[in-house]
Amino acid sequence: MIGLLVFLASCIPSPTELAQSNVFALKAHRFMEANSNRENTAGI
């Protein structure tokens, strides 16, 4: 039971972790867009 609570608590991200993951997601999204744009122009 205590292990489950610890697991749930560790699953709840802290504000700093949320900010970091948002920045990472934004960078990954832009990277993916750049890659898809490159593929599209190369395919023309």
Protein backbone atom coordinates (compact mmCIF):
# COMPACT_ATOMS: atom_id res chain seq x y z
CA MET A 1 0.00 0.00 0.00
CA ILE A 2 2.78 2.42 0.92
CA GLY A 3 4.64 1.43 -2.23
CA LEU A 4 1.58 2.33 -4.26
CA LEU A 5 1.38 5.76 -2.62
CA VAL A 6 5.07 6.37 -3.29
CA PHE A 7 4.54 5.28 -6.90
CA LEU A 8 1.61 7.67 -7.32
CA ALA A 9 3.54 10.51 -5.69
CA SER A 10 6.48 9.92 -8.01
CA CYS A 11 4.12 9.98 -10.99
CA ILE A 12 2.92 13.48 -10.10
CA PRO A 13 5.40 15.82 -11.78
CA SER A 14 6.73 18.86 -9.99
CA PRO A 15 6.31 22.29 -11.65
CA THR A 16 9.97 22.33 -12.72
CA GLU A 17 9.62 18.90 -14.31
CA LEU A 18 6.49 20.07 -16.10
CA ALA A 19 8.30 23.12 -17.45
CA GLN A 20 11.24 21.01 -18.61
CA SER A 21 8.99 18.47 -20.33
CA ASN A 22 7.05 21.29 -22.02
CA VAL A 23 10.27 22.81 -23.35
CA PHE A 24 11.44 19.39 -24.51
CA ALA A 25 8.11 18.68 -26.20
CA LEU A 26 8.23 22.04 -27.96
CA LYS A 27 11.78 21.42 -29.21
CA ALA A 28 10.88 17.90 -30.31
CA HIS A 29 7.81 19.22 -32.14
CA ARG A 30 9.86 21.84 -33.99
CA PHE A 31 12.51 19.24 -34.81
CA MET A 32 9.86 16.92 -36.23
CA GLU A 33 8.36 19.77 -38.26
CA ALA A 34 11.78 20.67 -39.67
CA ASN A 35 12.38 17.05 -40.62
CA SER A 36 9.00 16.68 -42.31
CA ASN A 37 9.50 19.95 -44.19
CA ARG A 38 12.89 18.76 -45.40
CA GLU A 39 11.39 15.47 -46.56
CA ASN A 40 8.54 17.25 -48.34
CA THR A 41 10.84 19.60 -50.25
CA ALA A 42 13.15 16.71 -51.15
CA GLY A 43 10.20 14.69 -52.42
CA ILE A 44 9.03 17.38 -54.85
